[in-house]
């Protein structure tokens, strides 16, 4: 009986943790109403002037994750200016202060001990823009927060980028009414 309870508790804990990881990344999208997204079949990477970009390694990891998602949706990457979409991204990394506290309370009779420690955490936001190449108008934009953490290990960072781009591009092209 105890083993089965422990097993159920372990499964429940795993589901809760997996849900928290999935929900940890927030995504938001917006698009130009009335846009015929079916006409976009090819895309070319462009640089967004004034935007912040990561180092070359992280830049390629981001582009690979996006390329993978767009390829699965039937879009083809090209280096030609005749592409139907121009896409670019920029990032922002903000730092927040996080407090980790612990304590042992003994109530009024025994007193208590405690400690608080602060640490700095980075929250990275990636903004992805799709422009109609013929008129240079923004037609779709998505933002994923808690995506980039320059201090994390490379495997974890790549995994976060892949998950965030899958989540961000899940609803592309948007279903219009």
Protein backbone atom coordinates (compact mmCIF):
# COMPACT_ATOMS: atom_id res chain seq x y z
CA UNK A 1 0.00 0.00 0.00
CA UNK A 2 2.79 2.43 0.90
CA UNK A 3 4.72 1.71 -2.29
CA UNK A 4 1.69 2.36 -4.48
CA UNK A 5 0.98 5.62 -2.65
CA UNK A 6 4.61 6.70 -3.11
CA UNK A 7 4.42 5.79 -6.81
CA UNK A 8 1.22 7.81 -7.32
CA UNK A 9 2.77 10.74 -5.43
CA UNK A 10 5.90 10.56 -7.60
CA UNK A 11 3.82 10.53 -10.81
CA UNK A 12 1.74 13.46 -9.56
CA UNK A 13 4.90 15.40 -8.69
CA UNK A 14 6.34 14.76 -12.14
CA UNK A 15 3.16 16.00 -13.84
CA UNK A 16 3.09 19.13 -11.68
CA UNK A 17 6.76 19.90 -12.40
CA UNK A 18 6.31 19.28 -16.14
CA UNK A 19 3.27 21.58 -16.16
CA UNK A 20 5.17 24.28 -14.32
CA UNK A 21 8.04 24.09 -16.82
CA UNK A 22 5.64 24.33 -19.74
CA UNK A 23 3.78 27.25 -18.21
CA UNK A 24 6.96 29.01 -17.18
CA UNK A 25 7.44 30.41 -20.67
CA UNK A 26 4.89 33.05 -21.56
CA UNK A 27 4.11 33.69 -25.22
CA UNK A 28 2.05 36.41 -26.87
CA UNK A 29 1.29 36.89 -30.53
CA UNK A 30 -0.42 39.50 -32.65
CA UNK A 31 -1.06 39.82 -36.36
CA UNK A 32 -2.39 42.24 -38.94
CA UNK A 33 -6.12 41.56 -39.42
CA UNK A 34 -7.13 40.60 -42.93
CA UNK A 35 -3.71 39.26 -43.89
CA UNK A 36 -3.73 36.26 -46.24
CA UNK A 37 -1.05 34.12 -44.59
CA UNK A 38 -1.41 31.35 -47.18
CA UNK A 39 0.51 33.48 -49.69
CA UNK A 40 3.65 33.31 -47.55
CA UNK A 41 5.66 30.28 -48.62
CA UNK A 42 9.26 31.47 -48.42
CA UNK A 43 11.18 33.56 -45.91
CA UNK A 44 14.50 35.31 -45.61
CA UNK A 45 16.27 36.21 -42.37
CA UNK A 46 16.85 39.94 -41.94
CA UNK A 47 18.53 41.92 -39.22
CA UNK A 48 16.40 44.29 -37.17
CA UNK A 49 18.29 47.54 -36.78
CA UNK A 50 18.82 48.68 -33.22
CA UNK A 51 17.74 45.32 -31.83
CA UNK A 52 19.85 43.42 -29.34
CA UNK A 53 21.21 40.07 -30.48
CA UNK A 54 23.09 37.32 -28.65
CA UNK A 55 26.47 35.88 -29.52
CA UNK A 56 26.86 33.89 -32.75
CA UNK A 57 26.29 30.52 -31.08
CA UNK A 58 22.99 31.46 -29.43
CA UNK A 59 21.96 33.34 -32.59
CA UNK A 60 22.35 30.14 -34.62
CA UNK A 61 20.52 28.08 -31.97
CA UNK A 62 17.58 30.51 -32.11
CA UNK A 63 17.49 30.50 -35.91
CA UNK A 64 17.71 26.69 -36.03
CA UNK A 65 14.75 26.37 -33.63
CA UNK A 66 12.67 28.83 -35.67
CA UNK A 67 13.72 27.27 -39.01
CA UNK A 68 12.63 23.87 -37.72
CA UNK A 69 9.19 25.14 -36.73
CA UNK A 70 8.64 27.06 -39.98
CA UNK A 71 9.82 24.13 -42.09
CA UNK A 72 7.27 21.90 -40.34
CA UNK A 73 4.61 24.43 -41.38
CA UNK A 74 5.65 24.25 -45.04
CA UNK A 75 7.69 27.45 -45.29
CA UNK A 76 11.03 27.40 -47.10
CA UNK A 77 14.04 29.45 -46.10
CA UNK A 78 15.85 31.32 -48.86
CA UNK A 79 18.60 33.92 -49.19
CA UNK A 80 16.79 35.56 -52.09
CA UNK A 81 15.17 38.99 -51.86
CA UNK A 82 12.19 37.45 -53.67
CA UNK A 83 11.09 35.74 -50.43
CA UNK A 84 7.48 36.40 -49.48
CA UNK A 85 8.36 37.05 -45.82
CA UNK A 86 11.26 38.77 -44.15
CA UNK A 87 11.76 37.59 -40.58
CA UNK A 88 13.93 38.89 -37.82
CA UNK A 89 14.19 38.77 -34.07
CA UNK A 90 15.62 40.65 -31.16
CA UNK A 91 16.17 39.80 -27.53
CA UNK A 92 16.18 41.52 -24.18
CA UNK A 93 17.62 40.06 -21.01
CA UNK A 94 16.44 41.62 -17.76
CA UNK A 95 17.77 40.76 -14.37
CA UNK A 96 15.61 40.40 -11.27
CA UNK A 97 16.48 39.90 -7.66
CA UNK A 98 15.24 36.62 -6.15
CA UNK A 99 15.14 35.90 -2.42
CA UNK A 100 15.62 32.40 -1.07
CA UNK A 101 14.70 32.06 2.57
CA UNK A 102 14.62 29.21 5.04
CA UNK A 103 13.95 29.00 8.69
CA UNK A 104 13.31 26.77 11.66
CA UNK A 105 10.73 28.17 13.97
CA UNK A 106 10.50 27.02 17.52
CA UNK A 107 7.71 29.30 18.57
CA UNK A 108 7.99 31.64 21.51
CA UNK A 109 9.42 29.04 23.84
CA UNK A 110 12.39 27.83 21.76
CA UNK A 111 13.18 30.80 19.54
CA UNK A 112 14.11 30.17 15.94
CA UNK A 113 16.77 30.41 13.31
CA UNK A 114 16.47 31.61 9.78
CA UNK A 115 18.38 32.93 6.85
CA UNK A 116 17.64 34.78 3.63
CA UNK A 117 19.89 34.89 0.63
CA UNK A 118 19.47 36.92 -2.52
CA UNK A 119 20.49 35.95 -6.01
CA UNK A 120 20.13 37.50 -9.42
CA UNK A 121 18.15 35.69 -12.08
CA UNK A 122 17.91 36.56 -15.77
CA UNK A 123 14.64 36.62 -17.67
CA UNK A 124 15.12 36.67 -21.41
CA UNK A 125 12.49 37.78 -23.90
CA UNK A 126 12.67 37.01 -27.60
CA UNK A 127 10.53 39.02 -30.04
CA UNK A 128 10.02 37.53 -33.50
CA UNK A 129 8.75 39.71 -36.37
CA UNK A 130 7.37 38.64 -39.76
CA UNK A 131 7.24 41.32 -42.48
CA UNK A 132 5.44 41.13 -45.81
CA UNK A 133 8.40 41.41 -48.18
CA UNK A 134 6.46 43.19 -50.93
CA UNK A 135 5.35 46.18 -48.84
CA UNK A 136 7.73 45.88 -45.84
CA UNK A 137 4.78 45.86 -43.40
CA UNK A 138 4.76 43.95 -40.11
CA UNK A 139 2.14 41.18 -40.45
CA UNK A 140 2.88 38.97 -37.42
CA UNK A 141 4.73 39.38 -34.15
CA UNK A 142 5.35 37.01 -31.30
CA UNK A 143 7.13 37.36 -27.99
CA UNK A 144 8.35 34.59 -25.71
CA UNK A 145 9.53 35.44 -22.21
CA UNK A 146 11.75 33.37 -19.93
CA UNK A 147 13.38 31.93 -23.04
CA UNK A 148 17.00 33.03 -22.94
CA UNK A 149 19.25 32.64 -19.92
CA UNK A 150 22.83 33.47 -20.87
CA UNK A 151 24.17 32.03 -17.63
CA UNK A 152 22.59 28.58 -17.96
CA UNK A 153 24.29 25.55 -19.42
CA UNK A 154 24.15 25.27 -23.22
CA UNK A 155 21.99 22.12 -23.33
CA UNK A 156 19.37 23.62 -21.01
CA UNK A 157 19.40 26.88 -22.94
CA UNK A 158 18.91 25.07 -26.28
CA UNK A 159 16.07 23.03 -24.80
CA UNK A 160 14.39 26.21 -23.52
CA UNK A 161 14.77 27.89 -26.91
CA UNK A 162 13.31 24.87 -28.75
CA UNK A 163 10.33 24.65 -26.38
CA UNK A 164 9.69 28.38 -26.51
CA UNK A 165 9.79 28.53 -30.33
CA UNK A 166 7.46 25.52 -30.61
CA UNK A 167 5.05 27.21 -28.20
CA UNK A 168 5.41 30.61 -29.87
CA UNK A 169 4.81 29.33 -33.40
CA UNK A 170 2.15 26.79 -32.47
CA UNK A 171 -0.61 29.13 -33.66
CA UNK A 172 1.11 30.30 -36.82
CA UNK A 173 -0.42 30.93 -39.26
CA UNK A 174 -3.25 32.42 -37.24
CA UNK A 175 -6.74 31.15 -37.85
CA UNK A 176 -8.79 34.07 -39.03
CA UNK A 177 -12.53 34.47 -38.70
